[in-house]
Amino acid sequence: MILVIDASAAHNASLAEHGFAFYRREELVAPPLLWSEVRSGLHEAVWRGDLAREHALVALDVLAKAPIRVATDRRLALEAWRVADELGWAKTYDAEYVALARLLSCRLVTVDDRMRRATARFGYVIGPEEL
């Protein structure tokens, strides 16, 4: 089954003891911005002192080897714009994940509570515990 993974879920998996093994039954896809967002989040955690540099570097390697396919679709930009409008979001970053799941008619996995609440009515945005 195809599953869009967002940066929050990929960030957690990158730091997990078994990496992305939790998602081994899924075909993971993400928009191109996922890798930048996860790298930025890891760097920010190190900068704040919440994560040791060595752990972050291991997580970067796990992310680089993650079984996530970059999913690009020429309709993604406009669909993300629509999703952001529909949800009242100023930025389209998170909307790209939602839009990709919509375009692929699949589920989106996130650990971002704000995203879960905002997209609850869609029915296809889930947490890892729902897999």
N, C-alpha and C. Protein backbone atom coordinates (compact mmCIF):
# COMPACT_ATOMS: atom_id res chain seq x y z
N MET A 1 0.83 -1.17 0.00
CA MET A 1 0.00 0.00 0.00
C MET A 1 0.89 1.25 0.00
N ILE A 2 0.52 2.24 -0.79
CA ILE A 2 1.25 3.50 -0.83
C ILE A 2 0.86 4.34 0.37
N LEU A 3 1.86 4.97 0.97
CA LEU A 3 1.65 5.81 2.13
C LEU A 3 2.54 7.04 2.01
N VAL A 4 1.93 8.22 2.05
CA VAL A 4 2.71 9.45 2.08
C VAL A 4 3.20 9.63 3.52
N ILE A 5 4.48 9.86 3.69
CA ILE A 5 5.06 10.10 5.01
C ILE A 5 5.47 11.56 5.09
N ASP A 6 5.12 12.22 6.19
CA ASP A 6 5.49 13.62 6.30
C ASP A 6 6.80 13.75 7.08
N ALA A 7 7.29 14.98 7.18
CA ALA A 7 8.59 15.23 7.81
C ALA A 7 8.59 14.84 9.28
N SER A 8 7.49 15.04 9.98
CA SER A 8 7.46 14.69 11.41
C SER A 8 7.62 13.19 11.61
N ALA A 9 6.93 12.40 10.82
CA ALA A 9 7.04 10.93 10.93
C ALA A 9 8.41 10.45 10.46
N ALA A 10 8.94 11.06 9.41
CA ALA A 10 10.27 10.67 8.91
C ALA A 10 11.35 11.08 9.91
N HIS A 11 11.20 12.21 10.54
CA HIS A 11 12.14 12.67 11.58
C HIS A 11 12.20 11.63 12.70
N ASN A 12 11.03 11.24 13.18
CA ASN A 12 10.98 10.25 14.27
C ASN A 12 11.58 8.91 13.83
N ALA A 13 11.26 8.47 12.64
CA ALA A 13 11.80 7.19 12.15
C ALA A 13 13.31 7.26 11.99
N SER A 14 13.82 8.40 11.56
CA SER A 14 15.26 8.57 11.39
C SER A 14 16.01 8.42 12.72
N LEU A 15 15.34 8.79 13.79
CA LEU A 15 15.96 8.71 15.11
C LEU A 15 15.64 7.41 15.84
N ALA A 16 14.70 6.64 15.33
CA ALA A 16 14.27 5.41 16.00
C ALA A 16 15.36 4.34 15.92
N GLU A 17 15.36 3.47 16.91
CA GLU A 17 16.36 2.40 16.96
C GLU A 17 16.36 1.55 15.70
N HIS A 18 15.21 1.26 15.16
CA HIS A 18 15.11 0.41 13.98
C HIS A 18 14.79 1.20 12.71
N GLY A 19 15.00 2.49 12.76
CA GLY A 19 14.82 3.33 11.58
C GLY A 19 13.43 3.22 10.99
N PHE A 20 13.37 2.95 9.72
CA PHE A 20 12.10 2.89 8.99
C PHE A 20 11.52 1.48 8.93
N ALA A 21 12.05 0.55 9.71
CA ALA A 21 11.55 -0.83 9.72
C ALA A 21 10.07 -0.90 10.07
N PHE A 22 9.61 0.03 10.89
CA PHE A 22 8.20 0.07 11.27
C PHE A 22 7.29 0.15 10.04
N TYR A 23 7.78 0.79 8.99
CA TYR A 23 7.00 1.01 7.77
C TYR A 23 7.30 -0.01 6.68
N ARG A 24 7.92 -1.10 7.02
CA ARG A 24 8.40 -2.06 6.00
C ARG A 24 7.30 -2.61 5.11
N ARG A 25 6.07 -2.60 5.57
CA ARG A 25 4.97 -3.14 4.75
C ARG A 25 4.36 -2.11 3.82
N GLU A 26 4.82 -0.87 3.93
CA GLU A 26 4.25 0.22 3.16
C GLU A 26 5.22 0.66 2.06
N GLU A 27 4.68 1.20 1.00
CA GLU A 27 5.50 1.85 -0.03
C GLU A 27 5.47 3.34 0.30
N LEU A 28 6.55 3.84 0.86
CA LEU A 28 6.60 5.22 1.32
C LEU A 28 6.92 6.18 0.18
N VAL A 29 6.17 7.27 0.13
CA VAL A 29 6.41 8.34 -0.84
C VAL A 29 6.33 9.67 -0.12
N ALA A 30 6.98 10.67 -0.69
CA ALA A 30 6.95 12.01 -0.10
C ALA A 30 7.26 13.05 -1.16
N PRO A 31 6.79 14.27 -0.95
CA PRO A 31 7.19 15.34 -1.86
C PRO A 31 8.66 15.68 -1.63
N PRO A 32 9.30 16.31 -2.59
CA PRO A 32 10.74 16.60 -2.50
C PRO A 32 11.17 17.37 -1.25
N LEU A 33 10.29 18.17 -0.67
CA LEU A 33 10.69 18.99 0.47
C LEU A 33 10.93 18.19 1.75
N LEU A 34 10.51 16.93 1.80
CA LEU A 34 10.67 16.12 3.02
C LEU A 34 12.11 16.11 3.52
N TRP A 35 13.05 15.86 2.64
CA TRP A 35 14.45 15.70 3.06
C TRP A 35 14.99 16.99 3.66
N SER A 36 14.69 18.12 3.07
CA SER A 36 15.14 19.41 3.62
C SER A 36 14.51 19.66 4.99
N GLU A 37 13.24 19.36 5.11
CA GLU A 37 12.56 19.60 6.38
C GLU A 37 13.12 18.73 7.50
N VAL A 38 13.38 17.47 7.21
CA VAL A 38 13.91 16.58 8.25
C VAL A 38 15.33 17.01 8.61
N ARG A 39 16.16 17.30 7.63
CA ARG A 39 17.52 17.77 7.93
C ARG A 39 17.48 19.04 8.77
N SER A 40 16.60 19.95 8.42
CA SER A 40 16.47 21.19 9.18
C SER A 40 16.03 20.91 10.62
N GLY A 41 15.09 20.02 10.79
CA GLY A 41 14.62 19.67 12.13
C GLY A 41 15.71 19.03 12.98
N LEU A 42 16.50 18.17 12.37
CA LEU A 42 17.61 17.55 13.09
C LEU A 42 18.65 18.59 13.48
N HIS A 43 18.98 19.47 12.54
CA HIS A 43 19.96 20.52 12.83
C HIS A 43 19.45 21.43 13.95
N GLU A 44 18.19 21.78 13.89
CA GLU A 44 17.60 22.63 14.92
C GLU A 44 17.66 21.96 16.29
N ALA A 45 17.39 20.66 16.34
CA ALA A 45 17.45 19.93 17.61
C ALA A 45 18.86 19.93 18.19
N VAL A 46 19.86 19.80 17.33
CA VAL A 46 21.25 19.88 17.79
C VAL A 46 21.55 21.29 18.28
N TRP A 47 21.15 22.28 17.52
CA TRP A 47 21.40 23.68 17.84
C TRP A 47 20.79 24.05 19.19
N ARG A 48 19.57 23.52 19.47
CA ARG A 48 18.90 23.79 20.76
C ARG A 48 19.51 23.00 21.91
N GLY A 49 20.32 21.98 21.57
CA GLY A 49 20.90 21.15 22.61
C GLY A 49 20.01 19.97 22.99
N ASP A 50 18.97 19.69 22.19
CA ASP A 50 18.05 18.59 22.47
C ASP A 50 18.54 17.26 21.90
N LEU A 51 19.51 17.31 21.02
CA LEU A 51 19.99 16.11 20.33
C LEU A 51 21.50 16.21 20.17
N ALA A 52 22.17 15.13 20.48
CA ALA A 52 23.62 15.10 20.30
C ALA A 52 23.96 15.09 18.82
N ARG A 53 25.00 15.80 18.47
CA ARG A 53 25.43 15.89 17.07
C ARG A 53 25.64 14.51 16.47
N GLU A 54 26.25 13.61 17.21
CA GLU A 54 26.52 12.26 16.71
C GLU A 54 25.23 11.53 16.37
N HIS A 55 24.20 11.69 17.22
CA HIS A 55 22.91 11.04 16.94
C HIS A 55 22.26 11.63 15.70
N ALA A 56 22.40 12.94 15.56
CA ALA A 56 21.82 13.60 14.39
C ALA A 56 22.49 13.13 13.11
N LEU A 57 23.80 12.96 13.15
CA LEU A 57 24.51 12.50 11.96
C LEU A 57 24.12 11.07 11.59
N VAL A 58 23.90 10.24 12.59
CA VAL A 58 23.40 8.88 12.32
C VAL A 58 22.01 8.97 11.70
N ALA A 59 21.16 9.83 12.25
CA ALA A 59 19.80 10.02 11.71
C ALA A 59 19.84 10.51 10.27
N LEU A 60 20.78 11.39 9.95
CA LEU A 60 20.93 11.85 8.56
C LEU A 60 21.23 10.69 7.63
N ASP A 61 22.08 9.79 8.08
CA ASP A 61 22.43 8.62 7.28
C ASP A 61 21.22 7.69 7.11
N VAL A 62 20.48 7.50 8.19
CA VAL A 62 19.26 6.68 8.13
C VAL A 62 18.28 7.30 7.13
N LEU A 63 18.11 8.60 7.20
CA LEU A 63 17.21 9.29 6.27
C LEU A 63 17.68 9.12 4.83
N ALA A 64 18.97 9.27 4.61
CA ALA A 64 19.51 9.15 3.25
C ALA A 64 19.27 7.76 2.66
N LYS A 65 19.20 6.75 3.50
CA LYS A 65 19.00 5.37 3.05
C LYS A 65 17.55 4.91 3.18
N ALA A 66 16.68 5.79 3.63
CA ALA A 66 15.28 5.43 3.87
C ALA A 66 14.59 5.00 2.58
N PRO A 67 13.70 4.04 2.69
CA PRO A 67 12.97 3.55 1.52
C PRO A 67 11.80 4.46 1.17
N ILE A 68 12.11 5.72 0.89
CA ILE A 68 11.07 6.70 0.54
C ILE A 68 11.32 7.14 -0.89
N ARG A 69 10.29 7.03 -1.69
CA ARG A 69 10.37 7.46 -3.09
C ARG A 69 9.92 8.92 -3.19
N VAL A 70 10.69 9.70 -3.91
CA VAL A 70 10.29 11.08 -4.18
C VAL A 70 9.13 11.04 -5.16
N ALA A 71 8.03 11.64 -4.76
CA ALA A 71 6.86 11.65 -5.62
C ALA A 71 6.62 13.08 -6.10
N THR A 72 6.82 13.27 -7.36
CA THR A 72 6.54 14.58 -7.94
C THR A 72 5.36 14.44 -8.88
N ASP A 73 4.59 15.46 -8.92
CA ASP A 73 3.42 15.48 -9.77
C ASP A 73 3.24 16.94 -10.18
N ARG A 74 3.07 17.19 -11.43
CA ARG A 74 2.97 18.58 -11.89
C ARG A 74 1.77 19.28 -11.29
N ARG A 75 0.82 18.52 -10.79
CA ARG A 75 -0.37 19.11 -10.17
C ARG A 75 -0.17 19.44 -8.69
N LEU A 76 0.97 19.02 -8.11
CA LEU A 76 1.19 19.13 -6.67
C LEU A 76 1.15 20.58 -6.18
N ALA A 77 1.82 21.48 -6.88
CA ALA A 77 1.88 22.88 -6.42
C ALA A 77 0.49 23.50 -6.30
N LEU A 78 -0.32 23.34 -7.34
CA LEU A 78 -1.66 23.91 -7.31
C LEU A 78 -2.55 23.23 -6.28
N GLU A 79 -2.42 21.92 -6.15
CA GLU A 79 -3.23 21.19 -5.16
C GLU A 79 -2.83 21.59 -3.74
N ALA A 80 -1.52 21.78 -3.49
CA ALA A 80 -1.07 22.23 -2.17
C ALA A 80 -1.62 23.63 -1.87
N TRP A 81 -1.64 24.48 -2.88
CA TRP A 81 -2.21 25.82 -2.72
C TRP A 81 -3.69 25.72 -2.32
N ARG A 82 -4.42 24.84 -3.00
CA ARG A 82 -5.85 24.64 -2.68
C ARG A 82 -6.04 24.13 -1.26
N VAL A 83 -5.22 23.15 -0.88
CA VAL A 83 -5.32 22.58 0.47
C VAL A 83 -5.04 23.67 1.52
N ALA A 84 -3.99 24.46 1.30
CA ALA A 84 -3.67 25.54 2.25
C ALA A 84 -4.84 26.52 2.36
N ASP A 85 -5.45 26.87 1.23
CA ASP A 85 -6.63 27.74 1.26
C ASP A 85 -7.76 27.09 2.04
N GLU A 86 -8.01 25.83 1.75
CA GLU A 86 -9.12 25.10 2.38
C GLU A 86 -8.94 25.01 3.89
N LEU A 87 -7.70 24.86 4.33
CA LEU A 87 -7.43 24.69 5.76
C LEU A 87 -7.07 26.00 6.46
N GLY A 88 -6.99 27.08 5.71
CA GLY A 88 -6.66 28.36 6.32
C GLY A 88 -5.21 28.48 6.74
N TRP A 89 -4.32 27.79 6.03
CA TRP A 89 -2.89 27.84 6.34
C TRP A 89 -2.23 28.89 5.47
N ALA A 90 -1.35 29.69 6.06
CA ALA A 90 -0.62 30.70 5.30
C ALA A 90 0.45 30.06 4.42
N LYS A 91 1.08 29.00 4.92
CA LYS A 91 2.17 28.35 4.20
C LYS A 91 1.68 27.06 3.54
N THR A 92 2.39 26.64 2.52
CA THR A 92 1.98 25.44 1.78
C THR A 92 2.85 24.22 2.08
N TYR A 93 3.83 24.35 2.98
CA TYR A 93 4.71 23.21 3.26
C TYR A 93 3.93 21.96 3.67
N ASP A 94 3.19 22.05 4.76
CA ASP A 94 2.41 20.89 5.21
C ASP A 94 1.34 20.51 4.20
N ALA A 95 0.82 21.49 3.51
CA ALA A 95 -0.22 21.24 2.51
C ALA A 95 0.30 20.34 1.38
N GLU A 96 1.61 20.37 1.11
CA GLU A 96 2.15 19.50 0.06
C GLU A 96 1.95 18.03 0.39
N TYR A 97 2.13 17.66 1.65
CA TYR A 97 1.94 16.27 2.05
C TYR A 97 0.47 15.86 1.91
N VAL A 98 -0.41 16.73 2.38
CA VAL A 98 -1.85 16.47 2.29
C VAL A 98 -2.26 16.38 0.82
N ALA A 99 -1.78 17.31 0.01
CA ALA A 99 -2.12 17.34 -1.41
C ALA A 99 -1.62 16.09 -2.12
N LEU A 100 -0.41 15.64 -1.79
CA LEU A 100 0.13 14.44 -2.43
C LEU A 100 -0.72 13.23 -2.09
N ALA A 101 -1.11 13.10 -0.83
CA ALA A 101 -1.98 11.98 -0.45
C ALA A 101 -3.31 12.06 -1.19
N ARG A 102 -3.82 13.24 -1.35
CA ARG A 102 -5.08 13.43 -2.08
C ARG A 102 -4.91 13.02 -3.55
N LEU A 103 -3.83 13.48 -4.17
CA LEU A 103 -3.59 13.17 -5.58
C LEU A 103 -3.36 11.67 -5.81
N LEU A 104 -2.72 11.02 -4.84
CA LEU A 104 -2.44 9.58 -4.98
C LEU A 104 -3.55 8.70 -4.41
N SER A 105 -4.58 9.32 -3.86
CA SER A 105 -5.69 8.59 -3.22
C SER A 105 -5.16 7.58 -2.21
N CYS A 106 -4.31 8.06 -1.32
CA CYS A 106 -3.75 7.18 -0.29
C CYS A 106 -3.74 7.90 1.05
N ARG A 107 -3.22 7.23 2.06
CA ARG A 107 -3.16 7.83 3.39
C ARG A 107 -1.86 8.60 3.58
N LEU A 108 -1.90 9.52 4.53
CA LEU A 108 -0.75 10.31 4.94
C LEU A 108 -0.50 10.01 6.40
N VAL A 109 0.74 9.67 6.74
CA VAL A 109 1.08 9.41 8.14
C VAL A 109 1.89 10.58 8.68
N THR A 110 1.50 11.03 9.88
CA THR A 110 2.14 12.16 10.54
C THR A 110 2.12 11.94 12.05
N VAL A 111 3.03 12.57 12.74
CA VAL A 111 2.98 12.61 14.20
C VAL A 111 2.73 14.04 14.67
N ASP A 112 2.40 14.90 13.73
CA ASP A 112 2.13 16.31 13.99
C ASP A 112 0.66 16.46 14.41
N ASP A 113 0.44 16.73 15.70
CA ASP A 113 -0.92 16.85 16.22
C ASP A 113 -1.72 17.98 15.57
N ARG A 114 -1.05 19.07 15.26
CA ARG A 114 -1.74 20.18 14.61
C ARG A 114 -2.28 19.76 13.25
N MET A 115 -1.45 19.04 12.50
CA MET A 115 -1.90 18.57 11.18
C MET A 115 -3.05 17.59 11.32
N ARG A 116 -2.94 16.69 12.29
CA ARG A 116 -4.01 15.70 12.50
C ARG A 116 -5.34 16.38 12.79
N ARG A 117 -5.30 17.37 13.68
CA ARG A 117 -6.55 18.07 14.02
C ARG A 117 -7.11 18.82 12.81
N ALA A 118 -6.25 19.51 12.08
CA ALA A 118 -6.71 20.33 10.95
C ALA A 118 -7.27 19.49 9.81
N THR A 119 -6.77 18.27 9.66
CA THR A 119 -7.17 17.44 8.52
C THR A 119 -8.08 16.28 8.91
N ALA A 120 -8.55 16.26 10.14
CA ALA A 120 -9.36 15.13 10.64
C ALA A 120 -10.56 14.83 9.73
N ARG A 121 -11.18 15.88 9.21
CA ARG A 121 -12.38 15.68 8.38
C ARG A 121 -12.09 14.95 7.07
N PHE A 122 -10.83 14.95 6.63
CA PHE A 122 -10.49 14.28 5.37
C PHE A 122 -10.53 12.76 5.49
N GLY A 123 -10.17 12.26 6.66
CA GLY A 123 -10.24 10.81 6.90
C GLY A 123 -9.05 10.01 6.39
N TYR A 124 -8.07 10.64 5.78
CA TYR A 124 -6.94 9.88 5.27
C TYR A 124 -5.62 10.27 5.91
N VAL A 125 -5.64 11.17 6.87
CA VAL A 125 -4.44 11.55 7.60
C VAL A 125 -4.45 10.78 8.92
N ILE A 126 -3.42 9.97 9.12
CA ILE A 126 -3.38 9.07 10.28
C ILE A 126 -2.06 9.21 11.01
N GLY A 127 -2.02 8.61 12.20
CA GLY A 127 -0.78 8.50 12.96
C GLY A 127 -0.21 7.10 12.78
N PRO A 128 1.06 6.91 13.10
CA PRO A 128 1.69 5.58 12.93
C PRO A 128 0.95 4.47 13.68
N GLU A 129 0.36 4.82 14.81
CA GLU A 129 -0.36 3.81 15.61
C GLU A 129 -1.59 3.25 14.89
N GLU A 130 -2.03 3.92 13.85
CA GLU A 130 -3.22 3.48 13.10
C GLU A 130 -2.88 2.55 11.93
N LEU A 131 -1.62 2.29 11.71
CA LEU A 131 -1.24 1.40 10.61
C LEU A 131 -1.50 -0.04 10.96
